[in-house]
């Protein structure tokens, strides 16, 4: 999918490749095959194995790749070496012309992602396009403060995160131009994407739902 010159490819689960010009960003690489897209910047939301996967990071990493993540994930990646930077909710970094703002990502009514862990979602501004990678999260109050989001990547698989209905409610609150569901179709998670599309359309017909097929 291409929006305003920014290409977004889904690799499955919460893994995406985001490209603009010569710049390539990867998010939460997990269980990926050998990949042609080496990343300039890798953003990892938290330390769970299905997001912070050293073998997948190795397949995307170049000598000068910058990795941005939490301290607990960074501890799992130390053997890879290179430039690893930490963020906490509320922090902002500017790297390679990309603005990255870290937001909280946590569960409200389950215990898989406690707020006190300081795990992350990201707002990525790349060439003027704002992309929200929500991370593993429920629908949380902080989402109401998001503004001018062009593309929202929202988990819909339930169990560990929002389900389809909750994610649709989050999309309607965030009001992105495009919403892309993620965090389903792996680790035993399924999603009713038809229901998700219906709920988004009922809440705000101006939001476009893009269902991506996993890229190799």
C-alpha atoms as a PDB file:
ATOM      1  CA  UNK A   1       0.000   0.000   0.000  1.00  0.00           C
ATOM      2  CA  UNK A   2       1.327   3.444  -0.930  1.00  0.00           C
ATOM      3  CA  UNK A   3       0.108   6.696   0.615  1.00  0.00           C
ATOM      4  CA  UNK A   4       1.617  10.093  -0.258  1.00  0.00           C
ATOM      5  CA  UNK A   5       4.813   8.427  -1.464  1.00  0.00           C
ATOM      6  CA  UNK A   6       5.184   6.232   1.639  1.00  0.00           C
ATOM      7  CA  UNK A   7       4.930   2.476   1.080  1.00  0.00           C
ATOM      8  CA  UNK A   8       3.666   0.211   3.873  1.00  0.00           C
ATOM      9  CA  UNK A   9       4.169  -3.553   3.612  1.00  0.00           C
ATOM     10  CA  UNK A  10       2.916  -6.051   6.184  1.00  0.00           C
ATOM     11  CA  UNK A  11       5.159  -9.017   6.933  1.00  0.00           C
ATOM     12  CA  UNK A  12       2.600 -10.629   9.237  1.00  0.00           C
ATOM     13  CA  UNK A  13       1.755 -10.216  12.932  1.00  0.00           C
ATOM     14  CA  UNK A  14       2.997  -6.724  13.976  1.00  0.00           C
ATOM     15  CA  UNK A  15       5.877  -6.626  11.486  1.00  0.00           C
ATOM     16  CA  UNK A  16       5.872  -3.896   8.857  1.00  0.00           C
ATOM     17  CA  UNK A  17       8.274  -2.411   6.343  1.00  0.00           C
ATOM     18  CA  UNK A  18       7.781   1.318   5.759  1.00  0.00           C
ATOM     19  CA  UNK A  19       9.635   2.902   2.844  1.00  0.00           C
ATOM     20  CA  UNK A  20      10.008   6.438   1.616  1.00  0.00           C
ATOM     21  CA  UNK A  21      12.621   7.172  -1.006  1.00  0.00           C
ATOM     22  CA  UNK A  22      15.872   5.510   0.045  1.00  0.00           C
ATOM     23  CA  UNK A  23      14.819   5.151   3.683  1.00  0.00           C
ATOM     24  CA  UNK A  24      13.510   1.845   5.062  1.00  0.00           C
ATOM     25  CA  UNK A  25      11.950   1.405   8.509  1.00  0.00           C
ATOM     26  CA  UNK A  26      10.982  -1.947  10.048  1.00  0.00           C
ATOM     27  CA  UNK A  27       8.683  -2.410  13.028  1.00  0.00           C
ATOM     28  CA  UNK A  28       8.549  -5.404  15.378  1.00  0.00           C
ATOM     29  CA  UNK A  29      10.224  -7.912  13.024  1.00  0.00           C
ATOM     30  CA  UNK A  30       9.151 -11.422  14.010  1.00  0.00           C
ATOM     31  CA  UNK A  31       9.533 -14.813  12.360  1.00  0.00           C
ATOM     32  CA  UNK A  32      10.415 -13.314   9.002  1.00  0.00           C
ATOM     33  CA  UNK A  33      12.160 -15.045   6.136  1.00  0.00           C
ATOM     34  CA  UNK A  34      15.429 -13.821   4.658  1.00  0.00           C
ATOM     35  CA  UNK A  35      14.436 -10.442   3.377  1.00  0.00           C
ATOM     36  CA  UNK A  36      15.718  -8.144   0.662  1.00  0.00           C
ATOM     37  CA  UNK A  37      14.676  -5.026   2.574  1.00  0.00           C
ATOM     38  CA  UNK A  38      17.536  -4.160   4.887  1.00  0.00           C
ATOM     39  CA  UNK A  39      16.333  -1.523   7.324  1.00  0.00           C
ATOM     40  CA  UNK A  40      17.933   1.800   8.147  1.00  0.00           C
ATOM     41  CA  UNK A  41      15.797   2.031  11.275  1.00  0.00           C
ATOM     42  CA  UNK A  42      14.167  -0.754  13.319  1.00  0.00           C
ATOM     43  CA  UNK A  43      11.498   0.152  15.881  1.00  0.00           C
ATOM     44  CA  UNK A  44      10.499  -2.457  18.469  1.00  0.00           C
ATOM     45  CA  UNK A  45       7.609  -1.843  20.831  1.00  0.00           C
ATOM     46  CA  UNK A  46       8.420  -4.285  23.648  1.00  0.00           C
ATOM     47  CA  UNK A  47      10.345  -7.369  24.687  1.00  0.00           C
ATOM     48  CA  UNK A  48       7.861 -10.197  24.046  1.00  0.00           C
ATOM     49  CA  UNK A  49       9.316 -12.856  21.740  1.00  0.00           C
ATOM     50  CA  UNK A  50       6.804 -12.150  18.960  1.00  0.00           C
ATOM     51  CA  UNK A  51       7.987  -8.532  18.716  1.00  0.00           C
ATOM     52  CA  UNK A  52      11.599  -8.536  19.907  1.00  0.00           C
ATOM     53  CA  UNK A  53      13.040 -11.395  17.841  1.00  0.00           C
ATOM     54  CA  UNK A  54      16.853 -11.267  17.537  1.00  0.00           C
ATOM     55  CA  UNK A  55      16.968 -13.659  14.565  1.00  0.00           C
ATOM     56  CA  UNK A  56      14.538 -11.533  12.571  1.00  0.00           C
ATOM     57  CA  UNK A  57      16.347  -8.334  13.542  1.00  0.00           C
ATOM     58  CA  UNK A  58      19.583  -9.887  12.285  1.00  0.00           C
ATOM     59  CA  UNK A  59      17.980 -10.518   8.877  1.00  0.00           C
ATOM     60  CA  UNK A  60      17.027  -6.845   8.505  1.00  0.00           C
ATOM     61  CA  UNK A  61      19.992  -5.168  10.155  1.00  0.00           C
ATOM     62  CA  UNK A  62      22.816  -3.389   8.324  1.00  0.00           C
ATOM     63  CA  UNK A  63      26.071  -2.193   9.870  1.00  0.00           C
ATOM     64  CA  UNK A  64      24.654   1.302  10.335  1.00  0.00           C
ATOM     65  CA  UNK A  65      21.079   0.381  11.274  1.00  0.00           C
ATOM     66  CA  UNK A  66      19.670   2.227  14.288  1.00  0.00           C
ATOM     67  CA  UNK A  67      17.436   0.167  16.590  1.00  0.00           C
ATOM     68  CA  UNK A  68      14.962   2.014  18.818  1.00  0.00           C
ATOM     69  CA  UNK A  69      13.250   0.056  21.573  1.00  0.00           C
ATOM     70  CA  UNK A  70      12.730  -0.437  25.292  1.00  0.00           C
ATOM     71  CA  UNK A  71      15.537  -1.302  27.690  1.00  0.00           C
ATOM     72  CA  UNK A  72      14.265  -4.847  28.259  1.00  0.00           C
ATOM     73  CA  UNK A  73      14.186  -5.590  24.534  1.00  0.00           C
ATOM     74  CA  UNK A  74      17.599  -4.000  24.030  1.00  0.00           C
ATOM     75  CA  UNK A  75      19.019  -6.445  26.567  1.00  0.00           C
ATOM     76  CA  UNK A  76      17.946  -9.290  24.244  1.00  0.00           C
ATOM     77  CA  UNK A  77      19.717  -7.682  21.277  1.00  0.00           C
ATOM     78  CA  UNK A  78      23.106  -6.817  22.766  1.00  0.00           C
ATOM     79  CA  UNK A  79      24.910  -9.633  20.944  1.00  0.00           C
ATOM     80  CA  UNK A  80      23.913  -8.056  17.625  1.00  0.00           C
ATOM     81  CA  UNK A  81      25.894  -4.919  18.464  1.00  0.00           C
ATOM     82  CA  UNK A  82      25.407  -1.615  16.704  1.00  0.00           C
ATOM     83  CA  UNK A  83      23.457   1.518  17.571  1.00  0.00           C
ATOM     84  CA  UNK A  84      20.617   0.659  19.977  1.00  0.00           C
ATOM     85  CA  UNK A  85      18.648   3.486  21.575  1.00  0.00           C
ATOM     86  CA  UNK A  86      16.029   3.374  24.315  1.00  0.00           C
ATOM     87  CA  UNK A  87      12.741   5.221  24.549  1.00  0.00           C
ATOM     88  CA  UNK A  88      10.059   5.575  27.202  1.00  0.00           C
ATOM     89  CA  UNK A  89       6.497   6.847  26.765  1.00  0.00           C
ATOM     90  CA  UNK A  90       6.551  10.575  26.056  1.00  0.00           C
ATOM     91  CA  UNK A  91      10.031  10.611  24.519  1.00  0.00           C
ATOM     92  CA  UNK A  92      10.746  11.937  21.030  1.00  0.00           C
ATOM     93  CA  UNK A  93      13.740  11.132  18.831  1.00  0.00           C
ATOM     94  CA  UNK A  94      14.759  12.518  15.456  1.00  0.00           C
ATOM     95  CA  UNK A  95      16.810  10.064  13.426  1.00  0.00           C
ATOM     96  CA  UNK A  96      17.642  10.231   9.712  1.00  0.00           C
ATOM     97  CA  UNK A  97      15.004  12.911   9.219  1.00  0.00           C
ATOM     98  CA  UNK A  98      12.321  10.761  10.868  1.00  0.00           C
ATOM     99  CA  UNK A  99      10.536  11.995  13.987  1.00  0.00           C
ATOM    100  CA  UNK A 100       9.615   9.190  16.404  1.00  0.00           C
ATOM    101  CA  UNK A 101       7.343   9.796  19.383  1.00  0.00           C
ATOM    102  CA  UNK A 102       6.931   7.018  21.926  1.00  0.00           C
ATOM    103  CA  UNK A 103       3.463   6.484  23.361  1.00  0.00           C
ATOM    104  CA  UNK A 104       2.264   4.084  26.048  1.00  0.00           C
ATOM    105  CA  UNK A 105       0.881   0.688  25.053  1.00  0.00           C
ATOM    106  CA  UNK A 106      -0.719  -1.442  27.737  1.00  0.00           C
ATOM    107  CA  UNK A 107      -3.637  -3.604  28.830  1.00  0.00           C
ATOM    108  CA  UNK A 108      -6.523  -2.270  30.877  1.00  0.00           C
ATOM    109  CA  UNK A 109      -8.402  -5.470  31.706  1.00  0.00           C
ATOM    110  CA  UNK A 110      -5.715  -8.140  31.276  1.00  0.00           C
ATOM    111  CA  UNK A 111      -2.197  -8.690  32.566  1.00  0.00           C
ATOM    112  CA  UNK A 112      -0.107  -9.411  29.477  1.00  0.00           C
ATOM    113  CA  UNK A 113       1.157  -5.845  29.009  1.00  0.00           C
ATOM    114  CA  UNK A 114       1.152  -3.936  32.324  1.00  0.00           C
ATOM    115  CA  UNK A 115       1.302  -0.156  32.084  1.00  0.00           C
ATOM    116  CA  UNK A 116       4.184  -0.027  34.548  1.00  0.00           C
ATOM    117  CA  UNK A 117       6.412  -1.944  32.108  1.00  0.00           C
ATOM    118  CA  UNK A 118       6.703   1.203  30.008  1.00  0.00           C
ATOM    119  CA  UNK A 119       6.148  -0.586  26.722  1.00  0.00           C
ATOM    120  CA  UNK A 120       5.551   1.411  23.594  1.00  0.00           C
ATOM    121  CA  UNK A 121       3.577   2.421  20.595  1.00  0.00           C
ATOM    122  CA  UNK A 122       5.132   4.845  18.118  1.00  0.00           C
ATOM    123  CA  UNK A 123       4.042   7.794  16.037  1.00  0.00           C
ATOM    124  CA  UNK A 124       6.431   7.894  13.102  1.00  0.00           C
ATOM    125  CA  UNK A 125       6.576  11.045  10.994  1.00  0.00           C
ATOM    126  CA  UNK A 126       8.267  10.241   7.693  1.00  0.00           C
ATOM    127  CA  UNK A 127       8.229  12.922   5.001  1.00  0.00           C
ATOM    128  CA  UNK A 128       5.164  14.524   6.545  1.00  0.00           C
ATOM    129  CA  UNK A 129       3.151  11.289   6.842  1.00  0.00           C
ATOM    130  CA  UNK A 130       2.171  10.326  10.403  1.00  0.00           C
ATOM    131  CA  UNK A 131       2.009   6.573  11.056  1.00  0.00           C
ATOM    132  CA  UNK A 132       0.795   5.231  14.399  1.00  0.00           C
ATOM    133  CA  UNK A 133       2.168   1.778  15.246  1.00  0.00           C
ATOM    134  CA  UNK A 134       0.030   1.045  18.299  1.00  0.00           C
ATOM    135  CA  UNK A 135       2.033  -1.861  19.711  1.00  0.00           C
ATOM    136  CA  UNK A 136       0.364  -4.449  21.927  1.00  0.00           C
ATOM    137  CA  UNK A 137      -2.373  -2.441  23.575  1.00  0.00           C
ATOM    138  CA  UNK A 138      -5.971  -2.167  24.563  1.00  0.00           C
ATOM    139  CA  UNK A 139      -8.013   0.912  23.693  1.00  0.00           C
ATOM    140  CA  UNK A 140      -6.420   3.330  26.140  1.00  0.00           C
ATOM    141  CA  UNK A 141      -7.229   6.940  27.127  1.00  0.00           C
ATOM    142  CA  UNK A 142      -4.006   8.249  25.583  1.00  0.00           C
ATOM    143  CA  UNK A 143      -5.369   7.470  22.121  1.00  0.00           C
ATOM    144  CA  UNK A 144      -7.822  10.357  22.432  1.00  0.00           C
ATOM    145  CA  UNK A 145      -4.884  12.792  22.315  1.00  0.00           C
ATOM    146  CA  UNK A 146      -3.611  11.594  18.945  1.00  0.00           C
ATOM    147  CA  UNK A 147      -4.037  14.087  16.122  1.00  0.00           C
ATOM    148  CA  UNK A 148      -3.387  14.165  12.396  1.00  0.00           C
ATOM    149  CA  UNK A 149      -2.692  10.449  12.052  1.00  0.00           C
ATOM    150  CA  UNK A 150      -2.565   9.400   8.408  1.00  0.00           C
ATOM    151  CA  UNK A 151      -2.131   5.639   8.892  1.00  0.00           C
ATOM    152  CA  UNK A 152      -2.961   3.674  12.051  1.00  0.00           C
ATOM    153  CA  UNK A 153      -1.642   0.133  12.516  1.00  0.00           C
ATOM    154  CA  UNK A 154      -3.940  -1.396  15.135  1.00  0.00           C
ATOM    155  CA  UNK A 155      -3.952  -4.866  16.743  1.00  0.00           C
ATOM    156  CA  UNK A 156      -7.257  -6.695  16.296  1.00  0.00           C
ATOM    157  CA  UNK A 157      -6.565 -10.280  17.392  1.00  0.00           C
ATOM    158  CA  UNK A 158      -7.902 -10.066  20.930  1.00  0.00           C
ATOM    159  CA  UNK A 159      -6.598 -12.218  23.813  1.00  0.00           C
ATOM    160  CA  UNK A 160      -3.453 -10.100  24.326  1.00  0.00           C
ATOM    161  CA  UNK A 161      -4.696  -6.845  22.767  1.00  0.00           C
ATOM    162  CA  UNK A 162      -7.833  -5.191  21.439  1.00  0.00           C
ATOM    163  CA  UNK A 163     -10.290  -7.345  19.544  1.00  0.00           C
ATOM    164  CA  UNK A 164     -11.986  -6.303  16.292  1.00  0.00           C
ATOM    165  CA  UNK A 165     -14.740  -4.267  17.962  1.00  0.00           C
ATOM    166  CA  UNK A 166     -12.396  -2.496  20.369  1.00  0.00           C
ATOM    167  CA  UNK A 167      -9.928  -1.733  17.586  1.00  0.00           C
ATOM    168  CA  UNK A 168     -12.725  -0.291  15.457  1.00  0.00           C
ATOM    169  CA  UNK A 169     -13.725   1.945  18.366  1.00  0.00           C
ATOM    170  CA  UNK A 170     -10.100   3.044  18.691  1.00  0.00           C
ATOM    171  CA  UNK A 171      -9.911   3.824  14.977  1.00  0.00           C
ATOM    172  CA  UNK A 172     -13.047   5.954  15.155  1.00  0.00           C
ATOM    173  CA  UNK A 173     -11.556   7.872  18.085  1.00  0.00           C
ATOM    174  CA  UNK A 174      -8.132   8.347  16.463  1.00  0.00           C
ATOM    175  CA  UNK A 175      -9.631   9.275  13.071  1.00  0.00           C
ATOM    176  CA  UNK A 176      -6.760   8.232  10.783  1.00  0.00           C
ATOM    177  CA  UNK A 177      -7.186   8.505   7.057  1.00  0.00           C
ATOM    178  CA  UNK A 178      -6.306   4.791   6.760  1.00  0.00           C
ATOM    179  CA  UNK A 179      -6.390   1.987   9.323  1.00  0.00           C
ATOM    180  CA  UNK A 180      -4.558  -1.302   8.827  1.00  0.00           C
ATOM    181  CA  UNK A 181      -5.351  -4.233  11.145  1.00  0.00           C
ATOM    182  CA  UNK A 182      -2.463  -6.294  12.521  1.00  0.00           C
ATOM    183  CA  UNK A 183      -1.572  -8.822  15.237  1.00  0.00           C
ATOM    184  CA  UNK A 184      -3.726 -11.628  13.907  1.00  0.00           C
ATOM    185  CA  UNK A 185      -3.200 -14.754  11.827  1.00  0.00           C
ATOM    186  CA  UNK A 186      -0.281 -15.978  13.954  1.00  0.00           C
ATOM    187  CA  UNK A 187       0.451 -17.302  17.464  1.00  0.00           C
ATOM    188  CA  UNK A 188      -3.070 -18.707  17.524  1.00  0.00           C
ATOM    189  CA  UNK A 189      -4.820 -15.376  16.945  1.00  0.00           C
ATOM    190  CA  UNK A 190      -7.670 -14.942  14.492  1.00  0.00           C
ATOM    191  CA  UNK A 191      -9.804 -11.948  13.590  1.00  0.00           C
ATOM    192  CA  UNK A 192     -13.109 -11.237  11.897  1.00  0.00           C
ATOM    193  CA  UNK A 193     -11.924  -8.588   9.470  1.00  0.00           C
ATOM    194  CA  UNK A 194     -15.383  -8.182   7.963  1.00  0.00           C
ATOM    195  CA  UNK A 195     -16.696  -7.217  11.393  1.00  0.00           C
ATOM    196  CA  UNK A 196     -13.795  -4.811  11.856  1.00  0.00           C
ATOM    197  CA  UNK A 197     -14.514  -3.100   8.539  1.00  0.00           C
ATOM    198  CA  UNK A 198     -18.224  -2.885   9.312  1.00  0.00           C
ATOM    199  CA  UNK A 199     -17.653  -1.351  12.731  1.00  0.00           C
ATOM    200  CA  UNK A 200     -15.193   1.220  11.385  1.00  0.00           C
ATOM    201  CA  UNK A 201     -17.547   2.161   8.543  1.00  0.00           C
ATOM    202  CA  UNK A 202     -20.457   2.515  10.952  1.00  0.00           C
ATOM    203  CA  UNK A 203     -18.423   4.752  13.252  1.00  0.00           C
ATOM    204  CA  UNK A 204     -16.733   6.913  10.623  1.00  0.00           C
ATOM    205  CA  UNK A 205     -17.212   6.168   6.917  1.00  0.00           C
ATOM    206  CA  UNK A 206     -14.359   8.548   6.069  1.00  0.00           C
ATOM    207  CA  UNK A 207     -11.768   6.119   7.461  1.00  0.00           C
ATOM    208  CA  UNK A 208     -10.436   3.728   4.836  1.00  0.00           C
ATOM    209  CA  UNK A 209      -9.743   0.178   6.025  1.00  0.00           C
ATOM    210  CA  UNK A 210      -6.837  -1.480   4.212  1.00  0.00           C
ATOM    211  CA  UNK A 211      -6.511  -5.247   4.627  1.00  0.00           C
ATOM    212  CA  UNK A 212      -2.956  -6.166   3.656  1.00  0.00           C
ATOM    213  CA  UNK A 213      -1.718  -9.597   2.666  1.00  0.00           C
ATOM    214  CA  UNK A 214       1.581 -10.622   4.261  1.00  0.00           C
ATOM    215  CA  UNK A 215       4.568  -9.944   2.010  1.00  0.00           C
ATOM    216  CA  UNK A 216       7.429 -12.403   1.761  1.00  0.00           C
END
